[in-house]
C-alpha atoms as a PDB file:
ATOM      1  CA  MET A   1       0.000   0.000   0.000  1.00  0.00           C
ATOM      2  CA  THR A   2       1.353   3.423  -0.878  1.00  0.00           C
ATOM      3  CA  GLU A   3       1.440   6.326   1.535  1.00  0.00           C
ATOM      4  CA  ILE A   4      -1.392   8.153  -0.252  1.00  0.00           C
ATOM      5  CA  GLU A   5      -3.534   5.000  -0.294  1.00  0.00           C
ATOM      6  CA  ALA A   6      -2.924   4.516   3.420  1.00  0.00           C
ATOM      7  CA  LEU A   7      -3.846   8.147   4.097  1.00  0.00           C
ATOM      8  CA  ALA A   8      -7.037   7.857   2.050  1.00  0.00           C
ATOM      9  CA  LEU A   9      -8.017   4.657   3.852  1.00  0.00           C
ATOM     10  CA  ALA A  10      -7.273   6.170   7.275  1.00  0.00           C
ATOM     11  CA  ALA A  11      -9.332   9.277   6.528  1.00  0.00           C
ATOM     12  CA  ALA A  12     -12.193   7.211   5.080  1.00  0.00           C
ATOM     13  CA  VAL A  13     -12.339   5.122   8.250  1.00  0.00           C
ATOM     14  CA  GLU A  14     -11.439   7.568  11.013  1.00  0.00           C
ATOM     15  CA  GLY A  15     -13.839  10.366  10.043  1.00  0.00           C
ATOM     16  CA  PRO A  16     -16.972   8.196  10.009  1.00  0.00           C
ATOM     17  CA  VAL A  17     -15.927   6.325  13.165  1.00  0.00           C
ATOM     18  CA  THR A  18     -15.453   9.583  15.056  1.00  0.00           C
ATOM     19  CA  TYR A  19     -18.715  10.981  13.670  1.00  0.00           C
ATOM     20  CA  ALA A  20     -20.649   7.869  14.692  1.00  0.00           C
ATOM     21  CA  LEU A  21     -19.117   7.717  18.168  1.00  0.00           C
ATOM     22  CA  VAL A  22     -19.814  11.374  18.950  1.00  0.00           C
ATOM     23  CA  ARG A  23     -23.346  11.134  17.567  1.00  0.00           C
ATOM     24  CA  VAL A  24     -24.287   7.878  19.321  1.00  0.00           C
ATOM     25  CA  ALA A  25     -22.654   8.876  22.622  1.00  0.00           C
ATOM     26  CA  GLY A  26     -24.249  12.325  22.472  1.00  0.00           C
ATOM     27  CA  TRP A  27     -21.038  14.009  23.582  1.00  0.00           C
ATOM     28  CA  SER A  28     -21.000  17.774  23.891  1.00  0.00           C
ATOM     29  CA  SER A  29     -19.142  19.236  20.922  1.00  0.00           C
ATOM     30  CA  ARG A  30     -19.529  21.493  17.899  1.00  0.00           C
ATOM     31  CA  GLY A  31     -21.475  18.549  16.508  1.00  0.00           C
ATOM     32  CA  ALA A  32     -20.773  15.069  15.247  1.00  0.00           C
ATOM     33  CA  VAL A  33     -20.088  16.320  11.713  1.00  0.00           C
ATOM     34  CA  HIS A  34     -17.472  18.772  12.991  1.00  0.00           C
ATOM     35  CA  ALA A  35     -15.880  16.024  15.078  1.00  0.00           C
ATOM     36  CA  GLY A  36     -15.779  13.683  12.091  1.00  0.00           C
ATOM     37  CA  PHE A  37     -14.189  16.324   9.869  1.00  0.00           C
ATOM     38  CA  ALA A  38     -11.770  17.240  12.654  1.00  0.00           C
ATOM     39  CA  SER A  39     -10.691  13.609  12.743  1.00  0.00           C
ATOM     40  CA  VAL A  40     -10.049  13.635   8.986  1.00  0.00           C
ATOM     41  CA  VAL A  41      -8.006  16.841   9.270  1.00  0.00           C
ATOM     42  CA  ALA A  42      -6.041  15.455  12.232  1.00  0.00           C
ATOM     43  CA  THR A  43      -5.323  12.304  10.224  1.00  0.00           C
ATOM     44  CA  ALA A  44      -4.061  14.402   7.317  1.00  0.00           C
ATOM     45  CA  VAL A  45      -1.791  16.322   9.695  1.00  0.00           C
ATOM     46  CA  THR A  46      -0.283  13.310  11.472  1.00  0.00           C
ATOM     47  CA  HIS A  47      -0.120  10.750   8.687  1.00  0.00           C
ATOM     48  CA  PRO A  48       2.931  12.072   6.790  1.00  0.00           C
ATOM     49  CA  GLN A  49       4.952  12.306  10.002  1.00  0.00           C
ATOM     50  CA  PHE A  50       3.824   8.867  11.129  1.00  0.00           C
ATOM     51  CA  TRP A  51       4.720   7.346   7.753  1.00  0.00           C
ATOM     52  CA  ALA A  52       8.208   8.882   7.758  1.00  0.00           C
ATOM     53  CA  GLY A  53       8.750   7.969  11.401  1.00  0.00           C
ATOM     54  CA  ALA A  54       7.592   4.401  10.842  1.00  0.00           C
ATOM     55  CA  LEU A  55       9.974   3.926   7.918  1.00  0.00           C
ATOM     56  CA  TRP A  56      12.833   5.107  10.120  1.00  0.00           C
ATOM     57  CA  ALA A  57      11.727   3.069  13.161  1.00  0.00           C
ATOM     58  CA  TYR A  58      11.334  -0.181  11.200  1.00  0.00           C
ATOM     59  CA  ARG A  59      15.026  -0.007  10.291  1.00  0.00           C
ATOM     60  CA  HIS A  60      16.070   0.393  13.940  1.00  0.00           C
ATOM     61  CA  PHE A  61      13.479  -1.483  15.995  1.00  0.00           C
ATOM     62  CA  SER A  62      11.172  -4.443  15.588  1.00  0.00           C
ATOM     63  CA  TYR A  63       7.628  -4.034  14.267  1.00  0.00           C
ATOM     64  CA  TRP A  64       5.577  -4.012  17.473  1.00  0.00           C
ATOM     65  CA  PRO A  65       7.575  -1.425  19.430  1.00  0.00           C
ATOM     66  CA  SER A  66       7.663   0.763  16.325  1.00  0.00           C
ATOM     67  CA  ILE A  67       3.941   0.549  15.624  1.00  0.00           C
ATOM     68  CA  LEU A  68       2.837   0.864  19.260  1.00  0.00           C
ATOM     69  CA  VAL A  69       4.950   3.931  20.001  1.00  0.00           C
ATOM     70  CA  GLY A  70       4.045   5.535  16.671  1.00  0.00           C
ATOM     71  CA  GLU A  71       0.326   4.907  17.040  1.00  0.00           C
ATOM     72  CA  ALA A  72       0.357   6.100  20.663  1.00  0.00           C
ATOM     73  CA  LEU A  73       1.898   9.393  19.569  1.00  0.00           C
ATOM     74  CA  VAL A  74      -0.642   9.698  16.754  1.00  0.00           C
ATOM     75  CA  VAL A  75      -3.553   9.041  19.123  1.00  0.00           C
ATOM     76  CA  VAL A  76      -2.357  11.783  21.476  1.00  0.00           C
ATOM     77  CA  VAL A  77      -1.723  14.396  18.772  1.00  0.00           C
ATOM     78  CA  GLU A  78      -4.966  13.615  16.942  1.00  0.00           C
ATOM     79  CA  ALA A  79      -6.916  13.733  20.209  1.00  0.00           C
ATOM     80  CA  ILE A  80      -5.571  17.206  20.947  1.00  0.00           C
ATOM     81  CA  LEU A  81      -6.472  18.385  17.451  1.00  0.00           C
ATOM     82  CA  VAL A  82      -9.949  16.826  17.540  1.00  0.00           C
ATOM     83  CA  ALA A  83     -10.615  18.266  21.018  1.00  0.00           C
ATOM     84  CA  TRP A  84      -9.678  21.714  19.764  1.00  0.00           C
ATOM     85  CA  MET A  85     -11.364  21.621  16.356  1.00  0.00           C
ATOM     86  CA  GLY A  86     -14.459  19.685  17.411  1.00  0.00           C
ATOM     87  CA  GLN A  87     -14.725  21.266  20.863  1.00  0.00           C
ATOM     88  CA  LEU A  88     -14.813  17.872  22.527  1.00  0.00           C
ATOM     89  CA  SER A  89     -13.506  17.260  26.006  1.00  0.00           C
ATOM     90  CA  LEU A  90      -9.960  15.912  25.874  1.00  0.00           C
ATOM     91  CA  ARG A  91     -11.114  12.674  27.496  1.00  0.00           C
ATOM     92  CA  HIS A  92     -13.716  12.085  24.787  1.00  0.00           C
ATOM     93  CA  ALA A  93     -11.291  13.106  22.051  1.00  0.00           C
ATOM     94  CA  VAL A  94      -8.757  10.539  23.315  1.00  0.00           C
ATOM     95  CA  GLN A  95     -11.441   7.857  23.302  1.00  0.00           C
ATOM     96  CA  ALA A  96     -12.520   8.816  19.786  1.00  0.00           C
ATOM     97  CA  SER A  97      -8.938   8.955  18.527  1.00  0.00           C
ATOM     98  CA  LEU A  98      -8.096   5.575  20.032  1.00  0.00           C
ATOM     99  CA  LEU A  99     -11.172   3.928  18.523  1.00  0.00           C
ATOM    100  CA  ALA A 100     -10.735   5.615  15.129  1.00  0.00           C
ATOM    101  CA  ASN A 101      -7.045   4.740  14.884  1.00  0.00           C
ATOM    102  CA  THR A 102      -7.676   1.157  15.946  1.00  0.00           C
ATOM    103  CA  ALA A 103     -10.371   0.857  13.285  1.00  0.00           C
ATOM    104  CA  SER A 104      -8.139   2.293  10.550  1.00  0.00           C
ATOM    105  CA  TYR A 105      -5.209   0.074  11.589  1.00  0.00           C
ATOM    106  CA  LEU A 106      -7.448  -3.011  11.375  1.00  0.00           C
ATOM    107  CA  ALA A 107      -8.881  -1.825   8.043  1.00  0.00           C
ATOM    108  CA  GLY A 108      -5.337  -1.480   6.742  1.00  0.00           C
ATOM    109  CA  LEU A 109      -4.523  -5.030   7.802  1.00  0.00           C
ATOM    110  CA  LEU A 110      -7.621  -6.284   5.989  1.00  0.00           C
ATOM    111  CA  VAL A 111      -6.712  -4.400   2.827  1.00  0.00           C
ATOM    112  CA  ILE A 112      -3.151  -5.726   2.711  1.00  0.00           C
ATOM    113  CA  GLY A 113      -4.327  -9.226   3.599  1.00  0.00           C
ATOM    114  CA  ARG A 114      -2.770  -9.771   7.011  1.00  0.00           C
END
């Protein structure tokens, strides 16, 4: 999978997941649509750095430490961005970011056949 394909997949998964979670949970925010779009924007901001960092980390460390540290950093940064842009509480933004990133990671595994 190329970097742009991975970014498109992540955005296509993370935006709707965040939207659905905020809507179903009824969390106070600018609205579920804003939260979903905020998630897409946050993904677009973090994805290039994650991709470059992962390529570097895979050469120096094994897969699981690389992916876990990278994804943890992404979850934190995206949560801060989603909390700010979507006016969600930081706690809810972390929950949304963790769920959205887990969903996009699993979607990526399905796409590449692992």
